[in-house]
Amino acid sequence: MHAIETTGRIDEHGNLCLDEDLPGESQGPVRVIILFPESDEPTEEEWLKFLASSPAYDDLKDPAEDIYTLEDGKPFVIDAR
């Protein structure tokens, strides 16, 4: 059995609506496992707000830690041939 992972929402009618299209030929029967977030589980936005305000990263605000400039390193270019 081939598996993919995607996200979606359940609408007001109880229908599962995926956030993106399924890849390739996606016809026929499927097996679906639905994982509901725990009520006390933080959302991604809540996690990002927490991390941004966490004192664990305060040392990165120190100007002495800002050691890189745009002139450091080499540009990363994707060759689209």
Foldseek 3Di string as FASTA:
>chain_A
DDDDDFDFDQDPVRDTDTPDDDDDDDDDDDDDDDDDDDPPDDDPVVVVVCVVPDCVCVVCVDPVVVPDDPPPDDDDDDDPD
